[in-house]
């Protein structure tokens, strides 16, 4: 699997997150307290670890639900994302359908990196 890192619009990336961590709690983490700490850290230092967006023409998934929730809280217009192109199958259970306009943005970003 090939990958590349880019800056993408926060709203585009947020559409493909698995859950809204602002609403859904976690058995492993006190989510509200964790998000408050993460908000403070990202507000001071930015997002240091890119979100992971895996995509193809049919669907996409995002690893980084907490970071994207904080980016939305802070009103960040763009977030760092590691892009990974996926085969059409298998389709993960948490995959979200890919919008045509989003796919065009992702392909353009991918092609710009590959040169």
PDB file of N, CA and C in Angstrom:
ATOM      1  N   UNK A   1       0.845  -1.182   0.000  1.00  0.00           N
ATOM      2  CA  UNK A   1       0.000   0.000   0.000  1.00  0.00           C
ATOM      3  C   UNK A   1       0.884   1.237   0.000  1.00  0.00           C
ATOM      4  N   UNK A   2       0.645   2.162  -0.924  1.00  0.00           N
ATOM      5  CA  UNK A   2       1.397   3.412  -0.993  1.00  0.00           C
ATOM      6  C   UNK A   2       0.741   4.436  -0.073  1.00  0.00           C
ATOM      7  N   UNK A   3       1.523   5.424   0.429  1.00  0.00           N
ATOM      8  CA  UNK A   3       0.947   6.488   1.232  1.00  0.00           C
ATOM      9  C   UNK A   3       1.706   7.780   0.995  1.00  0.00           C
ATOM     10  N   UNK A   4       1.069   8.910   1.351  1.00  0.00           N
ATOM     11  CA  UNK A   4       1.668  10.227   1.216  1.00  0.00           C
ATOM     12  C   UNK A   4       0.998  11.161   2.225  1.00  0.00           C
ATOM     13  N   UNK A   5       1.710  12.186   2.712  1.00  0.00           N
ATOM     14  CA  UNK A   5       1.146  13.128   3.686  1.00  0.00           C
ATOM     15  C   UNK A   5       0.835  14.461   3.015  1.00  0.00           C
ATOM     16  N   UNK A   6      -0.337  15.017   3.357  1.00  0.00           N
ATOM     17  CA  UNK A   6      -0.800  16.285   2.778  1.00  0.00           C
ATOM     18  C   UNK A   6      -1.601  17.068   3.826  1.00  0.00           C
ATOM     19  N   UNK A   7      -1.888  18.332   3.519  1.00  0.00           N
ATOM     20  CA  UNK A   7      -2.828  19.144   4.296  1.00  0.00           C
ATOM     21  C   UNK A   7      -4.165  19.088   3.549  1.00  0.00           C
ATOM     22  N   UNK A   8      -5.229  18.731   4.257  1.00  0.00           N
ATOM     23  CA  UNK A   8      -6.556  18.647   3.642  1.00  0.00           C
ATOM     24  C   UNK A   8      -7.562  19.452   4.447  1.00  0.00           C
ATOM     25  N   UNK A   9      -8.647  19.882   3.807  1.00  0.00           N
ATOM     26  CA  UNK A   9      -9.695  20.601   4.543  1.00  0.00           C
ATOM     27  C   UNK A   9     -10.264  19.735   5.674  1.00  0.00           C
ATOM     28  N   UNK A  10     -10.370  20.324   6.837  1.00  0.00           N
ATOM     29  CA  UNK A  10     -10.865  19.607   8.015  1.00  0.00           C
ATOM     30  C   UNK A  10     -12.245  19.024   7.771  1.00  0.00           C
ATOM     31  N   UNK A  11     -13.140  19.793   7.146  1.00  0.00           N
ATOM     32  CA  UNK A  11     -14.505  19.312   6.914  1.00  0.00           C
ATOM     33  C   UNK A  11     -14.521  18.066   6.032  1.00  0.00           C
ATOM     34  N   UNK A  12     -13.653  18.003   5.035  1.00  0.00           N
ATOM     35  CA  UNK A  12     -13.590  16.818   4.177  1.00  0.00           C
ATOM     36  C   UNK A  12     -13.168  15.608   5.004  1.00  0.00           C
ATOM     37  N   UNK A  13     -12.114  15.737   5.777  1.00  0.00           N
ATOM     38  CA  UNK A  13     -11.607  14.610   6.566  1.00  0.00           C
ATOM     39  C   UNK A  13     -12.649  14.156   7.584  1.00  0.00           C
ATOM     40  N   UNK A  14     -13.334  15.111   8.217  1.00  0.00           N
ATOM     41  CA  UNK A  14     -14.318  14.788   9.261  1.00  0.00           C
ATOM     42  C   UNK A  14     -15.458  13.923   8.728  1.00  0.00           C
ATOM     43  N   UNK A  15     -15.779  14.040   7.454  1.00  0.00           N
ATOM     44  CA  UNK A  15     -16.882  13.245   6.889  1.00  0.00           C
ATOM     45  C   UNK A  15     -16.615  11.739   6.936  1.00  0.00           C
ATOM     46  N   UNK A  16     -15.361  11.344   7.055  1.00  0.00           N
ATOM     47  CA  UNK A  16     -15.014   9.931   6.970  1.00  0.00           C
ATOM     48  C   UNK A  16     -14.582   9.332   8.309  1.00  0.00           C
ATOM     49  N   UNK A  17     -14.787  10.055   9.396  1.00  0.00           N
ATOM     50  CA  UNK A  17     -14.441   9.500  10.707  1.00  0.00           C
ATOM     51  C   UNK A  17     -15.453   8.435  11.102  1.00  0.00           C
ATOM     52  N   UNK A  18     -14.990   7.493  11.903  1.00  0.00           N
ATOM     53  CA  UNK A  18     -15.824   6.354  12.279  1.00  0.00           C
ATOM     54  C   UNK A  18     -16.900   6.738  13.281  1.00  0.00           C
ATOM     55  N   UNK A  19     -16.559   7.589  14.236  1.00  0.00           N
ATOM     56  CA  UNK A  19     -17.514   7.993  15.268  1.00  0.00           C
ATOM     57  C   UNK A  19     -17.291   9.451  15.613  1.00  0.00           C
ATOM     58  N   UNK A  20     -18.278  10.044  16.264  1.00  0.00           N
ATOM     59  CA  UNK A  20     -18.152  11.399  16.778  1.00  0.00           C
ATOM     60  C   UNK A  20     -17.760  11.278  18.242  1.00  0.00           C
ATOM     61  N   UNK A  21     -16.493  11.400  18.532  1.00  0.00           N
ATOM     62  CA  UNK A  21     -16.015  11.221  19.905  1.00  0.00           C
ATOM     63  C   UNK A  21     -16.493  12.331  20.830  1.00  0.00           C
ATOM     64  N   UNK A  22     -17.061  13.386  20.308  1.00  0.00           N
ATOM     65  CA  UNK A  22     -17.648  14.413  21.159  1.00  0.00           C
ATOM     66  C   UNK A  22     -18.932  13.884  21.795  1.00  0.00           C
ATOM     67  N   UNK A  23     -19.542  12.861  21.191  1.00  0.00           N
ATOM     68  CA  UNK A  23     -20.812  12.332  21.672  1.00  0.00           C
ATOM     69  C   UNK A  23     -20.646  10.933  22.274  1.00  0.00           C
ATOM     70  N   UNK A  24     -19.898  10.071  21.603  1.00  0.00           N
ATOM     71  CA  UNK A  24     -19.761   8.689  22.029  1.00  0.00           C
ATOM     72  C   UNK A  24     -18.618   8.571  23.026  1.00  0.00           C
ATOM     73  N   UNK A  25     -18.893   7.978  24.187  1.00  0.00           N
ATOM     74  CA  UNK A  25     -17.856   7.774  25.186  1.00  0.00           C
ATOM     75  C   UNK A  25     -16.970   6.603  24.830  1.00  0.00           C
ATOM     76  N   UNK A  26     -15.925   6.409  25.613  1.00  0.00           N
ATOM     77  CA  UNK A  26     -14.999   5.309  25.377  1.00  0.00           C
ATOM     78  C   UNK A  26     -14.753   4.576  26.684  1.00  0.00           C
ATOM     79  N   UNK A  27     -14.733   3.264  26.629  1.00  0.00           N
ATOM     80  CA  UNK A  27     -14.453   2.463  27.816  1.00  0.00           C
ATOM     81  C   UNK A  27     -12.983   2.580  28.219  1.00  0.00           C
ATOM     82  N   UNK A  28     -12.126   2.962  27.279  1.00  0.00           N
ATOM     83  CA  UNK A  28     -10.700   3.019  27.553  1.00  0.00           C
ATOM     84  C   UNK A  28     -10.223   4.393  28.013  1.00  0.00           C
ATOM     85  N   UNK A  29     -10.932   5.428  27.652  1.00  0.00           N
ATOM     86  CA  UNK A  29     -10.491   6.794  27.905  1.00  0.00           C
ATOM     87  C   UNK A  29     -11.660   7.614  28.408  1.00  0.00           C
ATOM     88  N   UNK A  30     -11.412   8.472  29.392  1.00  0.00           N
ATOM     89  CA  UNK A  30     -12.422   9.451  29.795  1.00  0.00           C
ATOM     90  C   UNK A  30     -12.450  10.491  28.676  1.00  0.00           C
ATOM     91  N   UNK A  31     -13.301  10.269  27.687  1.00  0.00           N
ATOM     92  CA  UNK A  31     -13.259  11.041  26.446  1.00  0.00           C
ATOM     93  C   UNK A  31     -13.343  12.552  26.660  1.00  0.00           C
ATOM     94  N   UNK A  32     -14.291  13.087  27.439  1.00  0.00           N
ATOM     95  CA  UNK A  32     -14.331  14.550  27.603  1.00  0.00           C
ATOM     96  C   UNK A  32     -13.027  15.109  28.182  1.00  0.00           C
ATOM     97  N   UNK A  33     -12.481  14.466  29.204  1.00  0.00           N
ATOM     98  CA  UNK A  33     -11.232  14.953  29.796  1.00  0.00           C
ATOM     99  C   UNK A  33     -10.081  14.804  28.797  1.00  0.00           C
ATOM    100  N   UNK A  34     -10.041  13.688  28.096  1.00  0.00           N
ATOM    101  CA  UNK A  34      -8.992  13.460  27.095  1.00  0.00           C
ATOM    102  C   UNK A  34      -9.066  14.517  25.995  1.00  0.00           C
ATOM    103  N   UNK A  35     -10.267  14.800  25.511  1.00  0.00           N
ATOM    104  CA  UNK A  35     -10.422  15.813  24.465  1.00  0.00           C
ATOM    105  C   UNK A  35     -10.019  17.191  24.961  1.00  0.00           C
ATOM    106  N   UNK A  36     -10.313  17.501  26.226  1.00  0.00           N
ATOM    107  CA  UNK A  36      -9.904  18.799  26.779  1.00  0.00           C
ATOM    108  C   UNK A  36      -8.378  18.913  26.802  1.00  0.00           C
ATOM    109  N   UNK A  37      -7.693  17.845  27.243  1.00  0.00           N
ATOM    110  CA  UNK A  37      -6.221  17.858  27.268  1.00  0.00           C
ATOM    111  C   UNK A  37      -5.657  17.945  25.843  1.00  0.00           C
ATOM    112  N   UNK A  38      -6.242  17.170  24.942  1.00  0.00           N
ATOM    113  CA  UNK A  38      -5.782  17.182  23.554  1.00  0.00           C
ATOM    114  C   UNK A  38      -6.028  18.542  22.903  1.00  0.00           C
ATOM    115  N   UNK A  39      -7.149  19.169  23.224  1.00  0.00           N
ATOM    116  CA  UNK A  39      -7.451  20.494  22.689  1.00  0.00           C
ATOM    117  C   UNK A  39      -6.393  21.500  23.125  1.00  0.00           C
ATOM    118  N   UNK A  40      -6.015  21.440  24.384  1.00  0.00           N
ATOM    119  CA  UNK A  40      -4.977  22.340  24.884  1.00  0.00           C
ATOM    120  C   UNK A  40      -3.651  22.092  24.165  1.00  0.00           C
ATOM    121  N   UNK A  41      -3.269  20.831  24.034  1.00  0.00           N
ATOM    122  CA  UNK A  41      -2.008  20.480  23.392  1.00  0.00           C
ATOM    123  C   UNK A  41      -1.984  20.889  21.919  1.00  0.00           C
ATOM    124  N   UNK A  42      -3.032  20.541  21.190  1.00  0.00           N
ATOM    125  CA  UNK A  42      -3.077  20.875  19.758  1.00  0.00           C
ATOM    126  C   UNK A  42      -3.191  22.385  19.578  1.00  0.00           C
ATOM    127  N   UNK A  43      -3.903  23.061  20.480  1.00  0.00           N
ATOM    128  CA  UNK A  43      -3.991  24.518  20.411  1.00  0.00           C
ATOM    129  C   UNK A  43      -2.629  25.176  20.543  1.00  0.00           C
ATOM    130  N   UNK A  44      -1.741  24.578  21.329  1.00  0.00           N
ATOM    131  CA  UNK A  44      -0.401  25.128  21.535  1.00  0.00           C
ATOM    132  C   UNK A  44       0.596  24.667  20.480  1.00  0.00           C
ATOM    133  N   UNK A  45       0.547  23.382  20.105  1.00  0.00           N
ATOM    134  CA  UNK A  45       1.591  22.814  19.254  1.00  0.00           C
ATOM    135  C   UNK A  45       1.128  22.373  17.875  1.00  0.00           C
ATOM    136  N   UNK A  46      -0.185  22.355  17.642  1.00  0.00           N
ATOM    137  CA  UNK A  46      -0.694  21.858  16.373  1.00  0.00           C
ATOM    138  C   UNK A  46      -0.816  20.343  16.390  1.00  0.00           C
ATOM    139  N   UNK A  47      -1.312  19.778  15.313  1.00  0.00           N
ATOM    140  CA  UNK A  47      -1.429  18.320  15.188  1.00  0.00           C
ATOM    141  C   UNK A  47      -0.075  17.799  14.743  1.00  0.00           C
ATOM    142  N   UNK A  48       0.579  17.054  15.619  1.00  0.00           N
ATOM    143  CA  UNK A  48       1.930  16.563  15.347  1.00  0.00           C
ATOM    144  C   UNK A  48       1.933  15.221  14.617  1.00  0.00           C
ATOM    145  N   UNK A  49       0.899  14.415  14.841  1.00  0.00           N
ATOM    146  CA  UNK A  49       0.787  13.111  14.177  1.00  0.00           C
ATOM    147  C   UNK A  49      -0.348  13.219  13.160  1.00  0.00           C
ATOM    148  N   UNK A  50      -0.040  13.105  11.869  1.00  0.00           N
ATOM    149  CA  UNK A  50      -1.103  13.231  10.860  1.00  0.00           C
ATOM    150  C   UNK A  50      -2.217  12.204  11.071  1.00  0.00           C
ATOM    151  N   UNK A  51      -3.435  12.597  10.702  1.00  0.00           N
ATOM    152  CA  UNK A  51      -4.536  11.660  10.672  1.00  0.00           C
ATOM    153  C   UNK A  51      -4.262  10.671   9.543  1.00  0.00           C
ATOM    154  N   UNK A  52      -4.883   9.519   9.611  1.00  0.00           N
ATOM    155  CA  UNK A  52      -4.679   8.477   8.617  1.00  0.00           C
ATOM    156  C   UNK A  52      -5.970   8.316   7.821  1.00  0.00           C
ATOM    157  N   UNK A  53      -5.958   8.712   6.546  1.00  0.00           N
ATOM    158  CA  UNK A  53      -7.146   8.598   5.700  1.00  0.00           C
ATOM    159  C   UNK A  53      -6.856   7.563   4.625  1.00  0.00           C
ATOM    160  N   UNK A  54      -7.631   6.480   4.660  1.00  0.00           N
ATOM    161  CA  UNK A  54      -7.506   5.406   3.676  1.00  0.00           C
ATOM    162  C   UNK A  54      -8.714   5.499   2.745  1.00  0.00           C
ATOM    163  N   UNK A  55      -8.453   5.453   1.443  1.00  0.00           N
ATOM    164  CA  UNK A  55      -9.549   5.720   0.512  1.00  0.00           C
ATOM    165  C   UNK A  55      -9.402   4.966  -0.800  1.00  0.00           C
ATOM    166  N   UNK A  56     -10.534   4.874  -1.473  1.00  0.00           N
ATOM    167  CA  UNK A  56     -10.602   4.482  -2.876  1.00  0.00           C
ATOM    168  C   UNK A  56     -11.829   5.196  -3.434  1.00  0.00           C
ATOM    169  N   UNK A  57     -12.236   4.885  -4.615  1.00  0.00           N
ATOM    170  CA  UNK A  57     -13.356   5.593  -5.227  1.00  0.00           C
ATOM    171  C   UNK A  57     -14.688   5.293  -4.539  1.00  0.00           C
ATOM    172  N   UNK A  58     -14.778   4.179  -3.830  1.00  0.00           N
ATOM    173  CA  UNK A  58     -16.047   3.764  -3.227  1.00  0.00           C
ATOM    174  C   UNK A  58     -16.214   4.184  -1.770  1.00  0.00           C
ATOM    175  N   UNK A  59     -15.122   4.210  -0.997  1.00  0.00           N
ATOM    176  CA  UNK A  59     -15.250   4.486   0.435  1.00  0.00           C
ATOM    177  C   UNK A  59     -13.965   5.060   1.008  1.00  0.00           C
ATOM    178  N   UNK A  60     -14.058   5.529   2.268  1.00  0.00           N
ATOM    179  CA  UNK A  60     -12.885   6.018   2.994  1.00  0.00           C
ATOM    180  C   UNK A  60     -13.062   5.740   4.476  1.00  0.00           C
ATOM    181  N   UNK A  61     -11.934   5.672   5.171  1.00  0.00           N
ATOM    182  CA  UNK A  61     -11.927   5.542   6.623  1.00  0.00           C
ATOM    183  C   UNK A  61     -10.888   6.505   7.179  1.00  0.00           C
ATOM    184  N   UNK A  62     -11.092   6.946   8.419  1.00  0.00           N
ATOM    185  CA  UNK A  62     -10.135   7.831   9.082  1.00  0.00           C
ATOM    186  C   UNK A  62      -9.748   7.239  10.423  1.00  0.00           C
ATOM    187  N   UNK A  63      -8.450   7.211  10.672  1.00  0.00           N
ATOM    188  CA  UNK A  63      -7.941   6.917  12.004  1.00  0.00           C
ATOM    189  C   UNK A  63      -7.479   8.250  12.564  1.00  0.00           C
ATOM    190  N   UNK A  64      -8.068   8.659  13.664  1.00  0.00           N
ATOM    191  CA  UNK A  64      -7.743   9.952  14.262  1.00  0.00           C
ATOM    192  C   UNK A  64      -9.004  10.674  14.705  1.00  0.00           C
ATOM    193  N   UNK A  65      -9.983   9.916  15.195  1.00  0.00           N
ATOM    194  CA  UNK A  65     -11.259  10.513  15.592  1.00  0.00           C
ATOM    195  C   UNK A  65     -11.097  11.617  16.635  1.00  0.00           C
ATOM    196  N   UNK A  66     -10.214  11.422  17.616  1.00  0.00           N
ATOM    197  CA  UNK A  66     -10.015  12.452  18.638  1.00  0.00           C
ATOM    198  C   UNK A  66      -9.376  13.699  18.039  1.00  0.00           C
ATOM    199  N   UNK A  67      -8.366  13.504  17.200  1.00  0.00           N
ATOM    200  CA  UNK A  67      -7.689  14.662  16.590  1.00  0.00           C
ATOM    201  C   UNK A  67      -8.627  15.448  15.687  1.00  0.00           C
ATOM    202  N   UNK A  68      -9.487  14.775  14.932  1.00  0.00           N
ATOM    203  CA  UNK A  68     -10.403  15.512  14.060  1.00  0.00           C
ATOM    204  C   UNK A  68     -11.475  16.214  14.882  1.00  0.00           C
ATOM    205  N   UNK A  69     -11.911  15.605  15.990  1.00  0.00           N
ATOM    206  CA  UNK A  69     -12.869  16.270  16.879  1.00  0.00           C
ATOM    207  C   UNK A  69     -12.267  17.549  17.441  1.00  0.00           C
ATOM    208  N   UNK A  70     -10.998  17.495  17.830  1.00  0.00           N
ATOM    209  CA  UNK A  70     -10.319  18.680  18.362  1.00  0.00           C
ATOM    210  C   UNK A  70     -10.112  19.718  17.266  1.00  0.00           C
ATOM    211  N   UNK A  71      -9.753  19.290  16.067  1.00  0.00           N
ATOM    212  CA  UNK A  71      -9.591  20.234  14.958  1.00  0.00           C
ATOM    213  C   UNK A  71     -10.893  20.992  14.712  1.00  0.00           C
ATOM    214  N   UNK A  72     -12.023  20.287  14.782  1.00  0.00           N
ATOM    215  CA  UNK A  72     -13.322  20.940  14.622  1.00  0.00           C
ATOM    216  C   UNK A  72     -13.586  21.904  15.775  1.00  0.00           C
ATOM    217  N   UNK A  73     -13.280  21.487  17.013  1.00  0.00           N
ATOM    218  CA  UNK A  73     -13.429  22.359  18.187  1.00  0.00           C
ATOM    219  C   UNK A  73     -12.647  23.659  18.011  1.00  0.00           C
ATOM    220  N   UNK A  74     -11.423  23.531  17.518  1.00  0.00           N
ATOM    221  CA  UNK A  74     -10.538  24.683  17.394  1.00  0.00           C
ATOM    222  C   UNK A  74     -10.782  25.496  16.118  1.00  0.00           C
ATOM    223  N   UNK A  75     -11.634  24.989  15.244  1.00  0.00           N
ATOM    224  CA  UNK A  75     -11.919  25.699  13.997  1.00  0.00           C
ATOM    225  C   UNK A  75     -10.763  25.673  13.009  1.00  0.00           C
ATOM    226  N   UNK A  76      -9.939  24.624  13.075  1.00  0.00           N
ATOM    227  CA  UNK A  76      -8.831  24.515  12.122  1.00  0.00           C
ATOM    228  C   UNK A  76      -9.393  24.268  10.721  1.00  0.00           C
ATOM    229  N   UNK A  77      -8.897  25.011   9.759  1.00  0.00           N
ATOM    230  CA  UNK A  77      -9.392  24.864   8.389  1.00  0.00           C
ATOM    231  C   UNK A  77      -8.778  23.656   7.676  1.00  0.00           C
ATOM    232  N   UNK A  78      -7.544  23.314   8.028  1.00  0.00           N
ATOM    233  CA  UNK A  78      -6.834  22.199   7.395  1.00  0.00           C
ATOM    234  C   UNK A  78      -6.158  21.357   8.468  1.00  0.00           C
ATOM    235  N   UNK A  79      -5.987  20.077   8.158  1.00  0.00           N
ATOM    236  CA  UNK A  79      -5.308  19.150   9.060  1.00  0.00           C
ATOM    237  C   UNK A  79      -4.305  18.321   8.263  1.00  0.00           C
ATOM    238  N   UNK A  80      -3.214  17.896   8.930  1.00  0.00           N
ATOM    239  CA  UNK A  80      -2.267  17.015   8.237  1.00  0.00           C
ATOM    240  C   UNK A  80      -2.839  15.603   8.154  1.00  0.00           C
ATOM    241  N   UNK A  81      -2.714  15.015   6.984  1.00  0.00           N
ATOM    242  CA  UNK A  81      -3.300  13.701   6.742  1.00  0.00           C
ATOM    243  C   UNK A  81      -2.310  12.838   5.967  1.00  0.00           C
ATOM    244  N   UNK A  82      -2.127  11.604   6.426  1.00  0.00           N
ATOM    245  CA  UNK A  82      -1.388  10.613   5.654  1.00  0.00           C
ATOM    246  C   UNK A  82      -2.411   9.887   4.788  1.00  0.00           C
ATOM    247  N   UNK A  83      -2.263  10.003   3.488  1.00  0.00           N
ATOM    248  CA  UNK A  83      -3.186   9.359   2.548  1.00  0.00           C
ATOM    249  C   UNK A  83      -2.693   7.965   2.187  1.00  0.00           C
ATOM    250  N   UNK A  84      -3.640   7.058   2.090  1.00  0.00           N
ATOM    251  CA  UNK A  84      -3.337   5.688   1.676  1.00  0.00           C
ATOM    252  C   UNK A  84      -4.414   5.247   0.691  1.00  0.00           C
ATOM    253  N   UNK A  85      -4.018   4.819  -0.485  1.00  0.00           N
ATOM    254  CA  UNK A  85      -4.995   4.274  -1.423  1.00  0.00           C
ATOM    255  C   UNK A  85      -5.239   2.812  -1.082  1.00  0.00           C
ATOM    256  N   UNK A  86      -6.521   2.440  -1.121  1.00  0.00           N
ATOM    257  CA  UNK A  86      -6.946   1.080  -0.780  1.00  0.00           C
ATOM    258  C   UNK A  86      -7.527   0.360  -1.993  1.00  0.00           C
ATOM    259  N   UNK A  87      -7.465  -0.963  -1.988  1.00  0.00           N
ATOM    260  CA  UNK A  87      -8.212  -1.716  -3.001  1.00  0.00           C
ATOM    261  C   UNK A  87      -9.712  -1.626  -2.694  1.00  0.00           C
ATOM    262  N   UNK A  88     -10.527  -1.998  -3.644  1.00  0.00           N
ATOM    263  CA  UNK A  88     -11.983  -1.915  -3.471  1.00  0.00           C
ATOM    264  C   UNK A  88     -12.516  -2.886  -2.420  1.00  0.00           C
ATOM    265  N   UNK A  89     -11.789  -3.987  -2.172  1.00  0.00           N
ATOM    266  CA  UNK A  89     -12.237  -4.989  -1.199  1.00  0.00           C
ATOM    267  C   UNK A  89     -11.061  -5.419  -0.347  1.00  0.00           C
ATOM    268  N   UNK A  90     -11.256  -5.752   0.889  1.00  0.00           N
ATOM    269  CA  UNK A  90     -12.525  -5.787   1.616  1.00  0.00           C
ATOM    270  C   UNK A  90     -12.945  -4.383   2.058  1.00  0.00           C
ATOM    271  N   UNK A  91     -14.215  -4.218   2.334  1.00  0.00           N
ATOM    272  CA  UNK A  91     -14.753  -2.944   2.815  1.00  0.00           C
ATOM    273  C   UNK A  91     -14.856  -3.025   4.339  1.00  0.00           C
ATOM    274  N   UNK A  92     -14.099  -2.183   5.063  1.00  0.00           N
ATOM    275  CA  UNK A  92     -14.191  -2.207   6.524  1.00  0.00           C
ATOM    276  C   UNK A  92     -15.597  -1.826   6.992  1.00  0.00           C
ATOM    277  N   UNK A  93     -16.008  -2.371   8.124  1.00  0.00           N
ATOM    278  CA  UNK A  93     -17.331  -2.088   8.660  1.00  0.00           C
ATOM    279  C   UNK A  93     -17.561  -0.629   8.997  1.00  0.00           C
ATOM    280  N   UNK A  94     -16.499   0.118   9.300  1.00  0.00           N
ATOM    281  CA  UNK A  94     -16.642   1.526   9.668  1.00  0.00           C
ATOM    282  C   UNK A  94     -16.402   2.478   8.484  1.00  0.00           C
ATOM    283  N   UNK A  95     -16.288   1.927   7.278  1.00  0.00           N
ATOM    284  CA  UNK A  95     -16.057   2.753   6.090  1.00  0.00           C
ATOM    285  C   UNK A  95     -17.275   3.622   5.790  1.00  0.00           C
ATOM    286  N   UNK A  96     -17.000   4.817   5.286  1.00  0.00           N
ATOM    287  CA  UNK A  96     -18.059   5.741   4.863  1.00  0.00           C
ATOM    288  C   UNK A  96     -18.017   5.857   3.343  1.00  0.00           C
ATOM    289  N   UNK A  97     -19.190   5.952   2.700  1.00  0.00           N
ATOM    290  CA  UNK A  97     -19.208   6.095   1.243  1.00  0.00           C
ATOM    291  C   UNK A  97     -18.446   7.340   0.788  1.00  0.00           C
ATOM    292  N   UNK A  98     -17.677   7.190  -0.278  1.00  0.00           N
ATOM    293  CA  UNK A  98     -16.872   8.288  -0.814  1.00  0.00           C
ATOM    294  C   UNK A  98     -17.718   9.193  -1.698  1.00  0.00           C
ATOM    295  N   UNK A  99     -17.693  10.485  -1.412  1.00  0.00           N
ATOM    296  CA  UNK A  99     -18.349  11.476  -2.272  1.00  0.00           C
ATOM    297  C   UNK A  99     -17.455  11.727  -3.483  1.00  0.00           C
ATOM    298  N   UNK A 100     -18.055  11.870  -4.659  1.00  0.00           N
ATOM    299  CA  UNK A 100     -17.282  12.080  -5.885  1.00  0.00           C
ATOM    300  C   UNK A 100     -16.374  13.304  -5.779  1.00  0.00           C
ATOM    301  N   UNK A 101     -16.899  14.410  -5.244  1.00  0.00           N
ATOM    302  CA  UNK A 101     -16.098  15.633  -5.126  1.00  0.00           C
ATOM    303  C   UNK A 101     -14.903  15.414  -4.196  1.00  0.00           C
ATOM    304  N   UNK A 102     -15.108  14.686  -3.105  1.00  0.00           N
ATOM    305  CA  UNK A 102     -14.009  14.393  -2.187  1.00  0.00           C
ATOM    306  C   UNK A 102     -12.961  13.513  -2.854  1.00  0.00           C
ATOM    307  N   UNK A 103     -13.427  12.529  -3.623  1.00  0.00           N
ATOM    308  CA  UNK A 103     -12.484  11.647  -4.311  1.00  0.00           C
ATOM    309  C   UNK A 103     -11.600  12.441  -5.263  1.00  0.00           C
ATOM    310  N   UNK A 104     -12.178  13.402  -5.967  1.00  0.00           N
ATOM    311  CA  UNK A 104     -11.390  14.239  -6.879  1.00  0.00           C
ATOM    312  C   UNK A 104     -10.324  15.021  -6.110  1.00  0.00           C
ATOM    313  N   UNK A 105     -10.673  15.555  -4.931  1.00  0.00           N
ATOM    314  CA  UNK A 105      -9.704  16.286  -4.107  1.00  0.00           C
ATOM    315  C   UNK A 105      -8.582  15.359  -3.662  1.00  0.00           C
ATOM    316  N   UNK A 106      -8.934  14.165  -3.203  1.00  0.00           N
ATOM    317  CA  UNK A 106      -7.931  13.222  -2.718  1.00  0.00           C
ATOM    318  C   UNK A 106      -6.998  12.763  -3.835  1.00  0.00           C
ATOM    319  N   UNK A 107      -7.547  12.487  -4.989  1.00  0.00           N
ATOM    320  CA  UNK A 107      -6.722  12.064  -6.130  1.00  0.00           C
ATOM    321  C   UNK A 107      -5.799  13.197  -6.558  1.00  0.00           C
ATOM    322  N   UNK A 108      -6.293  14.426  -6.593  1.00  0.00           N
ATOM    323  CA  UNK A 108      -5.442  15.567  -6.960  1.00  0.00           C
ATOM    324  C   UNK A 108      -4.307  15.737  -5.955  1.00  0.00           C
ATOM    325  N   UNK A 109      -4.608  15.596  -4.656  1.00  0.00           N
ATOM    326  CA  UNK A 109      -3.567  15.706  -3.625  1.00  0.00           C
ATOM    327  C   UNK A 109      -2.545  14.586  -3.800  1.00  0.00           C
ATOM    328  N   UNK A 110      -3.028  13.380  -4.051  1.00  0.00           N
ATOM    329  CA  UNK A 110      -2.156  12.219  -4.250  1.00  0.00           C
ATOM    330  C   UNK A 110      -1.233  12.438  -5.447  1.00  0.00           C
ATOM    331  N   UNK A 111      -1.818  12.892  -6.567  1.00  0.00           N
ATOM    332  CA  UNK A 111      -1.026  13.096  -7.776  1.00  0.00           C
ATOM    333  C   UNK A 111      -0.012  14.214  -7.619  1.00  0.00           C
ATOM    334  N   UNK A 112      -0.366  15.267  -6.874  1.00  0.00           N
ATOM    335  CA  UNK A 112       0.567  16.373  -6.647  1.00  0.00           C
ATOM    336  C   UNK A 112       1.782  15.899  -5.854  1.00  0.00           C
ATOM    337  N   UNK A 113       1.577  15.016  -4.932  1.00  0.00           N
ATOM    338  CA  UNK A 113       2.687  14.500  -4.125  1.00  0.00           C
ATOM    339  C   UNK A 113       3.579  13.580  -4.949  1.00  0.00           C
ATOM    340  N   UNK A 114       2.943  12.759  -5.753  1.00  0.00           N
ATOM    341  CA  UNK A 114       3.734  11.822  -6.564  1.00  0.00           C
ATOM    342  C   UNK A 114       4.509  12.510  -7.674  1.00  0.00           C
ATOM    343  N   UNK A 115       4.058  13.735  -8.013  1.00  0.00           N
ATOM    344  CA  UNK A 115       4.755  14.548  -9.012  1.00  0.00           C
ATOM    345  C   UNK A 115       4.605  14.025 -10.363  1.00  0.00           C
TER     346      UNK A 115
END
